[in-house]
């Protein structure tokens, strides 16, 4: 594990309005552990600006070290959607 991985951020981009936000990877890992997500299950965020789209993450490693990639045009069915972050 990289020493500075704790300080890296994941970029979330909205599928409807192109709004972006950067969230610390440690906070994404806390979401995954708190909600008991399975390996590779991504965390998507309902867009707080337009409330219509979903914010999809850039590729990142989950708390179980699995690479998580999301295609914004086809979000996975098993994705966890967090409303109004």
PDB file of N, CA and C in Angstrom:
ATOM      1  N   UNK A   1       0.835  -1.171   0.000  1.00  0.00           N
ATOM      2  CA  UNK A   1       0.000   0.000   0.000  1.00  0.00           C
ATOM      3  C   UNK A   1       0.883   1.239   0.000  1.00  0.00           C
ATOM      4  N   UNK A   2       0.496   2.200  -0.801  1.00  0.00           N
ATOM      5  CA  UNK A   2       1.261   3.437  -0.866  1.00  0.00           C
ATOM      6  C   UNK A   2       1.132   4.203   0.445  1.00  0.00           C
ATOM      7  N   UNK A   3       2.191   4.849   0.820  1.00  0.00           N
ATOM      8  CA  UNK A   3       2.189   5.599   2.061  1.00  0.00           C
ATOM      9  C   UNK A   3       1.222   6.777   2.005  1.00  0.00           C
ATOM     10  N   UNK A   4       1.144   7.454   0.862  1.00  0.00           N
ATOM     11  CA  UNK A   4       0.281   8.615   0.743  1.00  0.00           C
ATOM     12  C   UNK A   4      -1.106   8.274   0.210  1.00  0.00           C
ATOM     13  N   UNK A   5      -1.449   7.009   0.120  1.00  0.00           N
ATOM     14  CA  UNK A   5      -2.775   6.619  -0.361  1.00  0.00           C
ATOM     15  C   UNK A   5      -3.869   7.130   0.565  1.00  0.00           C
ATOM     16  N   UNK A   6      -3.549   7.323   1.825  1.00  0.00           N
ATOM     17  CA  UNK A   6      -4.526   7.804   2.788  1.00  0.00           C
ATOM     18  C   UNK A   6      -4.980   9.229   2.450  1.00  0.00           C
ATOM     19  N   UNK A   7      -4.109   9.993   1.761  1.00  0.00           N
ATOM     20  CA  UNK A   7      -4.407  11.375   1.429  1.00  0.00           C
ATOM     21  C   UNK A   7      -4.904  11.561  -0.002  1.00  0.00           C
ATOM     22  N   UNK A   8      -4.970  10.496  -0.792  1.00  0.00           N
ATOM     23  CA  UNK A   8      -5.429  10.628  -2.171  1.00  0.00           C
ATOM     24  C   UNK A   8      -6.938  10.842  -2.207  1.00  0.00           C
ATOM     25  N   UNK A   9      -7.412  11.384  -3.324  1.00  0.00           N
ATOM     26  CA  UNK A   9      -8.827  11.714  -3.457  1.00  0.00           C
ATOM     27  C   UNK A   9      -9.411  11.031  -4.684  1.00  0.00           C
ATOM     28  N   UNK A  10     -10.704  10.783  -4.626  1.00  0.00           N
ATOM     29  CA  UNK A  10     -11.447  10.192  -5.733  1.00  0.00           C
ATOM     30  C   UNK A  10     -12.311  11.302  -6.325  1.00  0.00           C
ATOM     31  N   UNK A  11     -12.279  11.438  -7.653  1.00  0.00           N
ATOM     32  CA  UNK A  11     -13.069  12.461  -8.324  1.00  0.00           C
ATOM     33  C   UNK A  11     -14.407  11.872  -8.735  1.00  0.00           C
ATOM     34  N   UNK A  12     -15.480  12.485  -8.287  1.00  0.00           N
ATOM     35  CA  UNK A  12     -16.831  12.074  -8.661  1.00  0.00           C
ATOM     36  C   UNK A  12     -17.377  13.083  -9.661  1.00  0.00           C
ATOM     37  N   UNK A  13     -17.866  12.595 -10.816  1.00  0.00           N
ATOM     38  CA  UNK A  13     -18.410  13.454 -11.867  1.00  0.00           C
ATOM     39  C   UNK A  13     -19.861  13.095 -12.123  1.00  0.00           C
ATOM     40  N   UNK A  14     -20.714  14.110 -12.264  1.00  0.00           N
ATOM     41  CA  UNK A  14     -22.148  13.907 -12.484  1.00  0.00           C
ATOM     42  C   UNK A  14     -22.405  13.501 -13.935  1.00  0.00           C
ATOM     43  N   UNK A  15     -23.366  12.621 -14.131  1.00  0.00           N
ATOM     44  CA  UNK A  15     -23.722  12.173 -15.476  1.00  0.00           C
ATOM     45  C   UNK A  15     -24.664  13.143 -16.173  1.00  0.00           C
ATOM     46  N   UNK A  16     -25.301  14.049 -15.438  1.00  0.00           N
ATOM     47  CA  UNK A  16     -26.274  14.957 -16.038  1.00  0.00           C
ATOM     48  C   UNK A  16     -25.722  16.370 -16.224  1.00  0.00           C
ATOM     49  N   UNK A  17     -25.121  16.936 -15.192  1.00  0.00           N
ATOM     50  CA  UNK A  17     -24.712  18.349 -15.255  1.00  0.00           C
ATOM     51  C   UNK A  17     -23.199  18.551 -15.278  1.00  0.00           C
ATOM     52  N   UNK A  18     -22.411  17.509 -15.279  1.00  0.00           N
ATOM     53  CA  UNK A  18     -20.947  17.569 -15.300  1.00  0.00           C
ATOM     54  C   UNK A  18     -20.338  18.259 -14.082  1.00  0.00           C
ATOM     55  N   UNK A  19     -21.048  18.300 -12.971  1.00  0.00           N
ATOM     56  CA  UNK A  19     -20.480  18.815 -11.724  1.00  0.00           C
ATOM     57  C   UNK A  19     -19.493  17.786 -11.183  1.00  0.00           C
ATOM     58  N   UNK A  20     -18.441  18.255 -10.551  1.00  0.00           N
ATOM     59  CA  UNK A  20     -17.446  17.345  -9.990  1.00  0.00           C
ATOM     60  C   UNK A  20     -17.182  17.696  -8.536  1.00  0.00           C
ATOM     61  N   UNK A  21     -16.749  16.691  -7.796  1.00  0.00           N
ATOM     62  CA  UNK A  21     -16.271  16.907  -6.436  1.00  0.00           C
ATOM     63  C   UNK A  21     -15.216  15.861  -6.148  1.00  0.00           C
ATOM     64  N   UNK A  22     -14.251  16.244  -5.320  1.00  0.00           N
ATOM     65  CA  UNK A  22     -13.170  15.338  -4.941  1.00  0.00           C
ATOM     66  C   UNK A  22     -13.364  14.960  -3.485  1.00  0.00           C
ATOM     67  N   UNK A  23     -13.435  13.656  -3.248  1.00  0.00           N
ATOM     68  CA  UNK A  23     -13.677  13.136  -1.905  1.00  0.00           C
ATOM     69  C   UNK A  23     -12.466  12.313  -1.483  1.00  0.00           C
ATOM     70  N   UNK A  24     -11.984  12.500  -0.265  1.00  0.00           N
ATOM     71  CA  UNK A  24     -10.841  11.706   0.202  1.00  0.00           C
ATOM     72  C   UNK A  24     -11.146  10.204   0.148  1.00  0.00           C
ATOM     73  N   UNK A  25     -10.152   9.445  -0.276  1.00  0.00           N
ATOM     74  CA  UNK A  25     -10.312   8.001  -0.394  1.00  0.00           C
ATOM     75  C   UNK A  25     -10.647   7.372   0.947  1.00  0.00           C
ATOM     76  N   UNK A  26     -10.126   7.914   2.035  1.00  0.00           N
ATOM     77  CA  UNK A  26     -10.425   7.348   3.357  1.00  0.00           C
ATOM     78  C   UNK A  26     -11.911   7.479   3.690  1.00  0.00           C
ATOM     79  N   UNK A  27     -12.570   8.534   3.190  1.00  0.00           N
ATOM     80  CA  UNK A  27     -14.006   8.693   3.425  1.00  0.00           C
ATOM     81  C   UNK A  27     -14.808   7.680   2.600  1.00  0.00           C
ATOM     82  N   UNK A  28     -14.358   7.411   1.374  1.00  0.00           N
ATOM     83  CA  UNK A  28     -15.015   6.392   0.548  1.00  0.00           C
ATOM     84  C   UNK A  28     -14.866   5.027   1.210  1.00  0.00           C
ATOM     85  N   UNK A  29     -13.669   4.737   1.736  1.00  0.00           N
ATOM     86  CA  UNK A  29     -13.454   3.465   2.442  1.00  0.00           C
ATOM     87  C   UNK A  29     -14.338   3.372   3.684  1.00  0.00           C
ATOM     88  N   UNK A  30     -14.544   4.491   4.371  1.00  0.00           N
ATOM     89  CA  UNK A  30     -15.423   4.482   5.549  1.00  0.00           C
ATOM     90  C   UNK A  30     -16.860   4.162   5.139  1.00  0.00           C
ATOM     91  N   UNK A  31     -17.319   4.720   4.008  1.00  0.00           N
ATOM     92  CA  UNK A  31     -18.651   4.379   3.485  1.00  0.00           C
ATOM     93  C   UNK A  31     -18.747   2.887   3.216  1.00  0.00           C
ATOM     94  N   UNK A  32     -17.727   2.337   2.562  1.00  0.00           N
ATOM     95  CA  UNK A  32     -17.748   0.917   2.199  1.00  0.00           C
ATOM     96  C   UNK A  32     -17.800   0.030   3.431  1.00  0.00           C
ATOM     97  N   UNK A  33     -17.011   0.359   4.436  1.00  0.00           N
ATOM     98  CA  UNK A  33     -17.008  -0.456   5.656  1.00  0.00           C
ATOM     99  C   UNK A  33     -18.293  -0.276   6.461  1.00  0.00           C
ATOM    100  N   UNK A  34     -18.786   0.956   6.578  1.00  0.00           N
ATOM    101  CA  UNK A  34     -19.969   1.225   7.377  1.00  0.00           C
ATOM    102  C   UNK A  34     -21.203   0.526   6.806  1.00  0.00           C
ATOM    103  N   UNK A  35     -21.356   0.572   5.488  1.00  0.00           N
ATOM    104  CA  UNK A  35     -22.530  -0.037   4.860  1.00  0.00           C
ATOM    105  C   UNK A  35     -22.318  -1.507   4.495  1.00  0.00           C
ATOM    106  N   UNK A  36     -21.141  -2.053   4.759  1.00  0.00           N
ATOM    107  CA  UNK A  36     -20.871  -3.471   4.525  1.00  0.00           C
ATOM    108  C   UNK A  36     -20.945  -3.851   3.058  1.00  0.00           C
ATOM    109  N   UNK A  37     -20.341  -3.042   2.198  1.00  0.00           N
ATOM    110  CA  UNK A  37     -20.396  -3.317   0.763  1.00  0.00           C
ATOM    111  C   UNK A  37     -19.509  -4.498   0.409  1.00  0.00           C
ATOM    112  N   UNK A  38     -19.900  -5.216  -0.630  1.00  0.00           N
ATOM    113  CA  UNK A  38     -19.138  -6.381  -1.071  1.00  0.00           C
ATOM    114  C   UNK A  38     -17.926  -5.925  -1.872  1.00  0.00           C
ATOM    115  N   UNK A  39     -17.063  -6.867  -2.207  1.00  0.00           N
ATOM    116  CA  UNK A  39     -15.840  -6.555  -2.940  1.00  0.00           C
ATOM    117  C   UNK A  39     -16.165  -5.992  -4.317  1.00  0.00           C
ATOM    118  N   UNK A  40     -15.606  -4.834  -4.620  1.00  0.00           N
ATOM    119  CA  UNK A  40     -15.793  -4.227  -5.920  1.00  0.00           C
ATOM    120  C   UNK A  40     -17.108  -3.501  -6.118  1.00  0.00           C
ATOM    121  N   UNK A  41     -17.935  -3.430  -5.094  1.00  0.00           N
ATOM    122  CA  UNK A  41     -19.216  -2.731  -5.215  1.00  0.00           C
ATOM    123  C   UNK A  41     -18.965  -1.227  -5.084  1.00  0.00           C
ATOM    124  N   UNK A  42     -19.277  -0.435  -6.126  1.00  0.00           N
ATOM    125  CA  UNK A  42     -18.948   0.991  -6.085  1.00  0.00           C
ATOM    126  C   UNK A  42     -19.949   1.815  -5.285  1.00  0.00           C
ATOM    127  N   UNK A  43     -19.485   2.969  -4.835  1.00  0.00           N
ATOM    128  CA  UNK A  43     -20.329   3.940  -4.153  1.00  0.00           C
ATOM    129  C   UNK A  43     -20.633   5.053  -5.151  1.00  0.00           C
ATOM    130  N   UNK A  44     -21.897   5.237  -5.505  1.00  0.00           N
ATOM    131  CA  UNK A  44     -22.320   6.327  -6.373  1.00  0.00           C
ATOM    132  C   UNK A  44     -23.036   7.355  -5.511  1.00  0.00           C
ATOM    133  N   UNK A  45     -22.972   8.618  -5.918  1.00  0.00           N
ATOM    134  CA  UNK A  45     -23.571   9.694  -5.123  1.00  0.00           C
ATOM    135  C   UNK A  45     -24.611  10.408  -5.967  1.00  0.00           C
ATOM    136  N   UNK A  46     -25.785  10.632  -5.382  1.00  0.00           N
ATOM    137  CA  UNK A  46     -26.791  11.438  -6.064  1.00  0.00           C
ATOM    138  C   UNK A  46     -26.253  12.861  -6.129  1.00  0.00           C
ATOM    139  N   UNK A  47     -26.318  13.479  -7.300  1.00  0.00           N
ATOM    140  CA  UNK A  47     -25.731  14.800  -7.498  1.00  0.00           C
ATOM    141  C   UNK A  47     -26.432  15.832  -6.616  1.00  0.00           C
ATOM    142  N   UNK A  48     -25.668  16.540  -5.749  1.00  0.00           N
ATOM    143  CA  UNK A  48     -26.284  17.535  -4.872  1.00  0.00           C
ATOM    144  C   UNK A  48     -26.645  18.840  -5.594  1.00  0.00           C
ATOM    145  N   UNK A  49     -26.140  19.039  -6.820  1.00  0.00           N
ATOM    146  CA  UNK A  49     -26.431  20.277  -7.536  1.00  0.00           C
ATOM    147  C   UNK A  49     -27.682  20.180  -8.395  1.00  0.00           C
ATOM    148  N   UNK A  50     -27.797  19.105  -9.194  1.00  0.00           N
ATOM    149  CA  UNK A  50     -28.952  19.006 -10.092  1.00  0.00           C
ATOM    150  C   UNK A  50     -30.008  18.018  -9.590  1.00  0.00           C
ATOM    151  N   UNK A  51     -29.659  17.133  -8.668  1.00  0.00           N
ATOM    152  CA  UNK A  51     -30.554  16.122  -8.087  1.00  0.00           C
ATOM    153  C   UNK A  51     -31.126  15.154  -9.114  1.00  0.00           C
ATOM    154  N   UNK A  52     -30.659  15.203 -10.355  1.00  0.00           N
ATOM    155  CA  UNK A  52     -31.152  14.297 -11.395  1.00  0.00           C
ATOM    156  C   UNK A  52     -30.142  13.222 -11.750  1.00  0.00           C
ATOM    157  N   UNK A  53     -28.868  13.578 -11.744  1.00  0.00           N
ATOM    158  CA  UNK A  53     -27.844  12.638 -12.164  1.00  0.00           C
ATOM    159  C   UNK A  53     -27.178  11.936 -11.005  1.00  0.00           C
ATOM    160  N   UNK A  54     -26.311  11.001 -11.362  1.00  0.00           N
ATOM    161  CA  UNK A  54     -25.492  10.296 -10.385  1.00  0.00           C
ATOM    162  C   UNK A  54     -24.048  10.696 -10.599  1.00  0.00           C
ATOM    163  N   UNK A  55     -23.333  10.855  -9.516  1.00  0.00           N
ATOM    164  CA  UNK A  55     -21.918  11.138  -9.617  1.00  0.00           C
ATOM    165  C   UNK A  55     -21.165   9.817  -9.552  1.00  0.00           C
ATOM    166  N   UNK A  56     -20.419   9.532 -10.627  1.00  0.00           N
ATOM    167  CA  UNK A  56     -19.657   8.292 -10.732  1.00  0.00           C
ATOM    168  C   UNK A  56     -18.190   8.572 -10.408  1.00  0.00           C
ATOM    169  N   UNK A  57     -17.525   7.644  -9.717  1.00  0.00           N
ATOM    170  CA  UNK A  57     -16.146   7.879  -9.302  1.00  0.00           C
ATOM    171  C   UNK A  57     -15.146   7.584 -10.405  1.00  0.00           C
ATOM    172  N   UNK A  58     -13.972   8.190 -10.278  1.00  0.00           N
ATOM    173  CA  UNK A  58     -12.838   7.792 -11.101  1.00  0.00           C
ATOM    174  C   UNK A  58     -12.353   6.440 -10.559  1.00  0.00           C
ATOM    175  N   UNK A  59     -11.552   5.696 -11.320  1.00  0.00           N
ATOM    176  CA  UNK A  59     -11.084   4.383 -10.820  1.00  0.00           C
ATOM    177  C   UNK A  59     -10.316   4.535  -9.495  1.00  0.00           C
ATOM    178  N   UNK A  60     -10.609   3.642  -8.569  1.00  0.00           N
ATOM    179  CA  UNK A  60      -9.940   3.646  -7.264  1.00  0.00           C
ATOM    180  C   UNK A  60      -9.894   2.234  -6.718  1.00  0.00           C
ATOM    181  N   UNK A  61      -9.102   2.029  -5.674  1.00  0.00           N
ATOM    182  CA  UNK A  61      -9.024   0.730  -4.998  1.00  0.00           C
ATOM    183  C   UNK A  61      -9.942   0.769  -3.784  1.00  0.00           C
ATOM    184  N   UNK A  62     -10.773  -0.260  -3.639  1.00  0.00           N
ATOM    185  CA  UNK A  62     -11.705  -0.323  -2.515  1.00  0.00           C
ATOM    186  C   UNK A  62     -10.962  -0.673  -1.234  1.00  0.00           C
ATOM    187  N   UNK A  63     -11.689  -0.702  -0.128  1.00  0.00           N
ATOM    188  CA  UNK A  63     -11.058  -1.024   1.156  1.00  0.00           C
ATOM    189  C   UNK A  63     -10.587  -2.468   1.211  1.00  0.00           C
ATOM    190  N   UNK A  64     -11.042  -3.313   0.261  1.00  0.00           N
ATOM    191  CA  UNK A  64     -10.560  -4.694   0.175  1.00  0.00           C
ATOM    192  C   UNK A  64      -9.520  -4.854  -0.927  1.00  0.00           C
ATOM    193  N   UNK A  65      -8.985  -3.743  -1.443  1.00  0.00           N
ATOM    194  CA  UNK A  65      -7.928  -3.685  -2.460  1.00  0.00           C
ATOM    195  C   UNK A  65      -8.360  -4.160  -3.837  1.00  0.00           C
ATOM    196  N   UNK A  66      -9.643  -4.127  -4.135  1.00  0.00           N
ATOM    197  CA  UNK A  66     -10.123  -4.453  -5.476  1.00  0.00           C
ATOM    198  C   UNK A  66     -10.262  -3.165  -6.279  1.00  0.00           C
ATOM    199  N   UNK A  67      -9.849  -3.236  -7.548  1.00  0.00           N
ATOM    200  CA  UNK A  67      -9.963  -2.078  -8.412  1.00  0.00           C
ATOM    201  C   UNK A  67     -11.430  -1.866  -8.779  1.00  0.00           C
ATOM    202  N   UNK A  68     -11.932  -0.661  -8.532  1.00  0.00           N
ATOM    203  CA  UNK A  68     -13.323  -0.325  -8.821  1.00  0.00           C
ATOM    204  C   UNK A  68     -13.329   0.677  -9.962  1.00  0.00           C
ATOM    205  N   UNK A  69     -13.953   0.286 -11.078  1.00  0.00           N
ATOM    206  CA  UNK A  69     -14.121   1.192 -12.207  1.00  0.00           C
ATOM    207  C   UNK A  69     -15.595   1.220 -12.565  1.00  0.00           C
ATOM    208  N   UNK A  70     -16.088   2.396 -12.910  1.00  0.00           N
ATOM    209  CA  UNK A  70     -17.505   2.558 -13.223  1.00  0.00           C
ATOM    210  C   UNK A  70     -17.623   3.241 -14.570  1.00  0.00           C
ATOM    211  N   UNK A  71     -18.427   2.652 -15.463  1.00  0.00           N
ATOM    212  CA  UNK A  71     -18.735   3.279 -16.739  1.00  0.00           C
ATOM    213  C   UNK A  71     -19.941   4.186 -16.507  1.00  0.00           C
ATOM    214  N   UNK A  72     -19.784   5.517 -16.642  1.00  0.00           N
ATOM    215  CA  UNK A  72     -20.889   6.432 -16.331  1.00  0.00           C
ATOM    216  C   UNK A  72     -22.133   6.214 -17.199  1.00  0.00           C
ATOM    217  N   UNK A  73     -21.961   5.705 -18.399  1.00  0.00           N
ATOM    218  CA  UNK A  73     -23.129   5.484 -19.255  1.00  0.00           C
ATOM    219  C   UNK A  73     -23.893   4.220 -18.871  1.00  0.00           C
ATOM    220  N   UNK A  74     -23.230   3.291 -18.184  1.00  0.00           N
ATOM    221  CA  UNK A  74     -23.865   2.039 -17.745  1.00  0.00           C
ATOM    222  C   UNK A  74     -23.457   1.743 -16.304  1.00  0.00           C
ATOM    223  N   UNK A  75     -24.060   2.414 -15.318  1.00  0.00           N
ATOM    224  CA  UNK A  75     -23.691   2.115 -13.923  1.00  0.00           C
ATOM    225  C   UNK A  75     -24.096   0.689 -13.548  1.00  0.00           C
ATOM    226  N   UNK A  76     -23.303   0.024 -12.720  1.00  0.00           N
ATOM    227  CA  UNK A  76     -23.621  -1.354 -12.338  1.00  0.00           C
ATOM    228  C   UNK A  76     -24.894  -1.437 -11.508  1.00  0.00           C
ATOM    229  N   UNK A  77     -25.561  -2.560 -11.620  1.00  0.00           N
ATOM    230  CA  UNK A  77     -26.821  -2.758 -10.896  1.00  0.00           C
ATOM    231  C   UNK A  77     -26.595  -2.929  -9.392  1.00  0.00           C
ATOM    232  N   UNK A  78     -25.418  -3.406  -9.000  1.00  0.00           N
ATOM    233  CA  UNK A  78     -25.158  -3.636  -7.576  1.00  0.00           C
ATOM    234  C   UNK A  78     -24.529  -2.425  -6.885  1.00  0.00           C
ATOM    235  N   UNK A  79     -24.518  -1.274  -7.533  1.00  0.00           N
ATOM    236  CA  UNK A  79     -23.895  -0.071  -6.960  1.00  0.00           C
ATOM    237  C   UNK A  79     -24.702   0.441  -5.770  1.00  0.00           C
ATOM    238  N   UNK A  80     -23.999   0.956  -4.780  1.00  0.00           N
ATOM    239  CA  UNK A  80     -24.632   1.581  -3.621  1.00  0.00           C
ATOM    240  C   UNK A  80     -24.785   3.050  -3.946  1.00  0.00           C
ATOM    241  N   UNK A  81     -26.006   3.587  -3.860  1.00  0.00           N
ATOM    242  CA  UNK A  81     -26.268   4.986  -4.174  1.00  0.00           C
ATOM    243  C   UNK A  81     -26.466   5.745  -2.864  1.00  0.00           C
ATOM    244  N   UNK A  82     -25.561   6.681  -2.632  1.00  0.00           N
ATOM    245  CA  UNK A  82     -25.629   7.501  -1.428  1.00  0.00           C
ATOM    246  C   UNK A  82     -26.321   8.806  -1.808  1.00  0.00           C
ATOM    247  N   UNK A  83     -27.401   9.132  -1.158  1.00  0.00           N
ATOM    248  CA  UNK A  83     -28.189  10.323  -1.508  1.00  0.00           C
ATOM    249  C   UNK A  83     -27.720  11.537  -0.731  1.00  0.00           C
ATOM    250  N   UNK A  84     -27.571  12.624  -1.430  1.00  0.00           N
ATOM    251  CA  UNK A  84     -27.271  13.933  -0.865  1.00  0.00           C
ATOM    252  C   UNK A  84     -26.088  13.919   0.078  1.00  0.00           C
ATOM    253  N   UNK A  85     -24.920  13.742  -0.482  1.00  0.00           N
ATOM    254  CA  UNK A  85     -23.669  13.757   0.274  1.00  0.00           C
ATOM    255  C   UNK A  85     -23.376  15.161   0.710  1.00  0.00           C
TER     256      UNK A  85
END
